[in-house]
Amino acid sequence: MLVEQQLDIARLELLDMGLRANPQLNYRSGSRSLDIIDEQSAHIFDILVEQESTMSFLPLPDAYQQKIADDEDEGAFFQTDDNTELPPLDLYLEQKKGASRFSDKYLQTGLIPAKL
């Protein structure tokens, strides 16, 4: 097979918009994946590629871990010990860490330490 024919076949595969053949279109979070929360890809690229540095994963903050341990109902709102609702995780991180959370060498996940 000629190189040109192989390239034409590869182009067709790249253009395939079917959900089964294209995992980029059919992404499902699960046990074999790790969702990164509240990060900016430009900062991640800078740290990993430009600075040639490594990054580590962070588990859920303690307040969220405690709520998950207390109440296994996934539909429940996150609350602290004094019964005030916890905001969505990205807003919580913004309040606690500010913009510095994007330039650190950690990637925030939504997992508890045991599952991370």
C-alpha atoms as a PDB file:
ATOM      1  CA  MET A   1       0.000   0.000   0.000  1.00  0.00           C
ATOM      2  CA  LEU A   2       1.315   3.384  -0.934  1.00  0.00           C
ATOM      3  CA  VAL A   3       2.012   6.007   1.680  1.00  0.00           C
ATOM      4  CA  GLU A   4      -0.558   8.300   0.070  1.00  0.00           C
ATOM      5  CA  GLN A   5      -3.248   5.643   0.425  1.00  0.00           C
ATOM      6  CA  GLN A   6      -2.360   5.097   4.075  1.00  0.00           C
ATOM      7  CA  LEU A   7      -2.591   8.850   4.706  1.00  0.00           C
ATOM      8  CA  ASP A   8      -6.001   8.983   3.014  1.00  0.00           C
ATOM      9  CA  ILE A   9      -7.253   6.155   5.233  1.00  0.00           C
ATOM     10  CA  ALA A  10      -5.858   7.882   8.333  1.00  0.00           C
ATOM     11  CA  ARG A  11      -7.596  11.135   7.350  1.00  0.00           C
ATOM     12  CA  LEU A  12     -10.926   9.345   7.078  1.00  0.00           C
ATOM     13  CA  GLU A  13     -10.430   7.788  10.503  1.00  0.00           C
ATOM     14  CA  LEU A  14      -9.693  11.197  12.002  1.00  0.00           C
ATOM     15  CA  LEU A  15     -12.858  12.617  10.471  1.00  0.00           C
ATOM     16  CA  ASP A  16     -15.024   9.800  11.838  1.00  0.00           C
ATOM     17  CA  MET A  17     -17.704  11.481  13.958  1.00  0.00           C
ATOM     18  CA  GLY A  18     -19.277   8.211  15.125  1.00  0.00           C
ATOM     19  CA  LEU A  19     -19.471   7.842  18.888  1.00  0.00           C
ATOM     20  CA  ARG A  20     -18.153   4.287  18.984  1.00  0.00           C
ATOM     21  CA  ALA A  21     -15.055   4.822  16.891  1.00  0.00           C
ATOM     22  CA  ASN A  22     -14.097   8.182  18.371  1.00  0.00           C
ATOM     23  CA  PRO A  23     -13.409   8.056  22.134  1.00  0.00           C
ATOM     24  CA  GLN A  24     -12.917  11.832  22.202  1.00  0.00           C
ATOM     25  CA  LEU A  25     -16.607  12.254  21.401  1.00  0.00           C
ATOM     26  CA  ASN A  26     -17.789   9.406  23.602  1.00  0.00           C
ATOM     27  CA  TYR A  27     -15.912  10.195  26.820  1.00  0.00           C
ATOM     28  CA  ARG A  28     -17.341   8.805  30.030  1.00  0.00           C
ATOM     29  CA  SER A  29     -15.803   9.401  33.394  1.00  0.00           C
ATOM     30  CA  GLY A  30     -15.227   6.142  35.220  1.00  0.00           C
ATOM     31  CA  SER A  31     -12.829   3.950  37.132  1.00  0.00           C
ATOM     32  CA  ARG A  32     -10.195   4.148  34.378  1.00  0.00           C
ATOM     33  CA  SER A  33     -10.209   7.944  34.180  1.00  0.00           C
ATOM     34  CA  LEU A  34      -9.384  10.852  36.437  1.00  0.00           C
ATOM     35  CA  ASP A  35     -11.317  14.108  36.237  1.00  0.00           C
ATOM     36  CA  ILE A  36      -9.306  17.272  36.834  1.00  0.00           C
ATOM     37  CA  ILE A  37     -11.303  20.084  38.437  1.00  0.00           C
ATOM     38  CA  ASP A  38     -10.793  23.839  38.261  1.00  0.00           C
ATOM     39  CA  GLU A  39      -7.496  24.040  36.403  1.00  0.00           C
ATOM     40  CA  GLN A  40      -6.322  26.073  33.423  1.00  0.00           C
ATOM     41  CA  SER A  41      -4.756  24.153  30.563  1.00  0.00           C
ATOM     42  CA  ALA A  42      -2.342  26.980  29.678  1.00  0.00           C
ATOM     43  CA  HIS A  43      -0.814  26.845  33.161  1.00  0.00           C
ATOM     44  CA  ILE A  44      -0.620  23.051  33.068  1.00  0.00           C
ATOM     45  CA  PHE A  45       1.098  23.176  29.675  1.00  0.00           C
ATOM     46  CA  ASP A  46       3.562  25.771  30.981  1.00  0.00           C
ATOM     47  CA  ILE A  47       4.499  23.672  34.010  1.00  0.00           C
ATOM     48  CA  LEU A  48       4.709  20.328  32.208  1.00  0.00           C
ATOM     49  CA  VAL A  49       6.190  21.370  28.862  1.00  0.00           C
ATOM     50  CA  GLU A  50       7.888  24.731  29.191  1.00  0.00           C
ATOM     51  CA  GLN A  51       9.280  24.232  32.710  1.00  0.00           C
ATOM     52  CA  GLU A  52       9.676  20.463  32.244  1.00  0.00           C
ATOM     53  CA  SER A  53       8.409  19.953  35.776  1.00  0.00           C
ATOM     54  CA  THR A  54       6.156  17.321  37.322  1.00  0.00           C
ATOM     55  CA  MET A  55       2.722  17.728  38.863  1.00  0.00           C
ATOM     56  CA  SER A  56       0.860  15.807  41.572  1.00  0.00           C
ATOM     57  CA  PHE A  57      -2.827  15.199  42.254  1.00  0.00           C
ATOM     58  CA  LEU A  58      -4.777  16.691  45.156  1.00  0.00           C
ATOM     59  CA  PRO A  59      -7.754  14.961  46.775  1.00  0.00           C
ATOM     60  CA  LEU A  60     -10.971  16.730  47.728  1.00  0.00           C
ATOM     61  CA  PRO A  61     -10.582  19.333  50.492  1.00  0.00           C
ATOM     62  CA  ASP A  62     -11.237  18.014  54.011  1.00  0.00           C
ATOM     63  CA  ALA A  63     -14.626  19.725  54.348  1.00  0.00           C
ATOM     64  CA  TYR A  64     -15.935  17.890  51.272  1.00  0.00           C
ATOM     65  CA  GLN A  65     -14.366  14.597  52.333  1.00  0.00           C
ATOM     66  CA  GLN A  66     -16.097  14.808  55.700  1.00  0.00           C
ATOM     67  CA  LYS A  67     -19.467  15.396  54.071  1.00  0.00           C
ATOM     68  CA  ILE A  68     -19.002  12.410  51.768  1.00  0.00           C
ATOM     69  CA  ALA A  69     -18.048  10.225  54.742  1.00  0.00           C
ATOM     70  CA  ASP A  70     -21.083  11.407  56.737  1.00  0.00           C
ATOM     71  CA  ASP A  71     -23.621  11.124  53.943  1.00  0.00           C
ATOM     72  CA  GLU A  72     -23.218   8.730  51.023  1.00  0.00           C
ATOM     73  CA  ASP A  73     -26.164  10.298  49.171  1.00  0.00           C
ATOM     74  CA  GLU A  74     -24.617  11.824  46.024  1.00  0.00           C
ATOM     75  CA  GLY A  75     -27.592  14.140  45.507  1.00  0.00           C
ATOM     76  CA  ALA A  76     -27.178  15.866  48.868  1.00  0.00           C
ATOM     77  CA  PHE A  77     -25.766  19.360  49.159  1.00  0.00           C
ATOM     78  CA  PHE A  78     -22.353  19.655  50.762  1.00  0.00           C
ATOM     79  CA  GLN A  79     -22.636  21.089  54.260  1.00  0.00           C
ATOM     80  CA  THR A  80     -20.112  21.854  56.960  1.00  0.00           C
ATOM     81  CA  ASP A  81     -20.412  20.873  60.624  1.00  0.00           C
ATOM     82  CA  ASP A  82     -22.283  24.096  61.417  1.00  0.00           C
ATOM     83  CA  ASN A  83     -24.928  23.171  58.771  1.00  0.00           C
ATOM     84  CA  THR A  84     -23.914  25.858  56.282  1.00  0.00           C
ATOM     85  CA  GLU A  85     -23.843  24.731  52.677  1.00  0.00           C
ATOM     86  CA  LEU A  86     -20.526  24.317  50.980  1.00  0.00           C
ATOM     87  CA  PRO A  87     -20.329  26.082  47.611  1.00  0.00           C
ATOM     88  CA  PRO A  88     -19.458  24.189  44.418  1.00  0.00           C
ATOM     89  CA  LEU A  89     -15.874  22.995  44.557  1.00  0.00           C
ATOM     90  CA  ASP A  90     -14.514  25.498  42.035  1.00  0.00           C
ATOM     91  CA  LEU A  91     -15.967  28.445  43.997  1.00  0.00           C
ATOM     92  CA  TYR A  92     -14.687  26.996  47.262  1.00  0.00           C
ATOM     93  CA  LEU A  93     -11.164  26.699  45.829  1.00  0.00           C
ATOM     94  CA  GLU A  94     -11.344  30.245  44.473  1.00  0.00           C
ATOM     95  CA  GLN A  95     -12.306  31.575  47.905  1.00  0.00           C
ATOM     96  CA  LYS A  96      -9.674  29.561  49.781  1.00  0.00           C
ATOM     97  CA  LYS A  97      -6.698  29.696  47.395  1.00  0.00           C
ATOM     98  CA  GLY A  98      -7.376  32.469  44.913  1.00  0.00           C
ATOM     99  CA  ALA A  99      -5.532  32.642  41.598  1.00  0.00           C
ATOM    100  CA  SER A 100      -2.421  30.974  43.059  1.00  0.00           C
ATOM    101  CA  ARG A 101      -4.168  27.591  42.691  1.00  0.00           C
ATOM    102  CA  PHE A 102      -3.461  27.712  38.944  1.00  0.00           C
ATOM    103  CA  SER A 103       0.296  28.197  39.236  1.00  0.00           C
ATOM    104  CA  ASP A 104       1.026  25.530  41.852  1.00  0.00           C
ATOM    105  CA  LYS A 105       2.274  22.081  40.904  1.00  0.00           C
ATOM    106  CA  TYR A 106      -0.917  20.277  41.893  1.00  0.00           C
ATOM    107  CA  LEU A 107      -3.941  19.166  39.892  1.00  0.00           C
ATOM    108  CA  GLN A 108      -7.215  19.229  41.824  1.00  0.00           C
ATOM    109  CA  THR A 109      -9.369  16.105  41.587  1.00  0.00           C
ATOM    110  CA  GLY A 110     -12.791  15.245  42.943  1.00  0.00           C
ATOM    111  CA  LEU A 111     -11.627  12.061  44.643  1.00  0.00           C
ATOM    112  CA  ILE A 112     -11.067  11.177  48.283  1.00  0.00           C
ATOM    113  CA  PRO A 113      -7.501  10.068  49.149  1.00  0.00           C
ATOM    114  CA  ALA A 114      -8.395   6.369  49.307  1.00  0.00           C
ATOM    115  CA  LYS A 115      -9.672   6.397  45.710  1.00  0.00           C
ATOM    116  CA  LEU A 116      -6.928   8.683  44.425  1.00  0.00           C
END
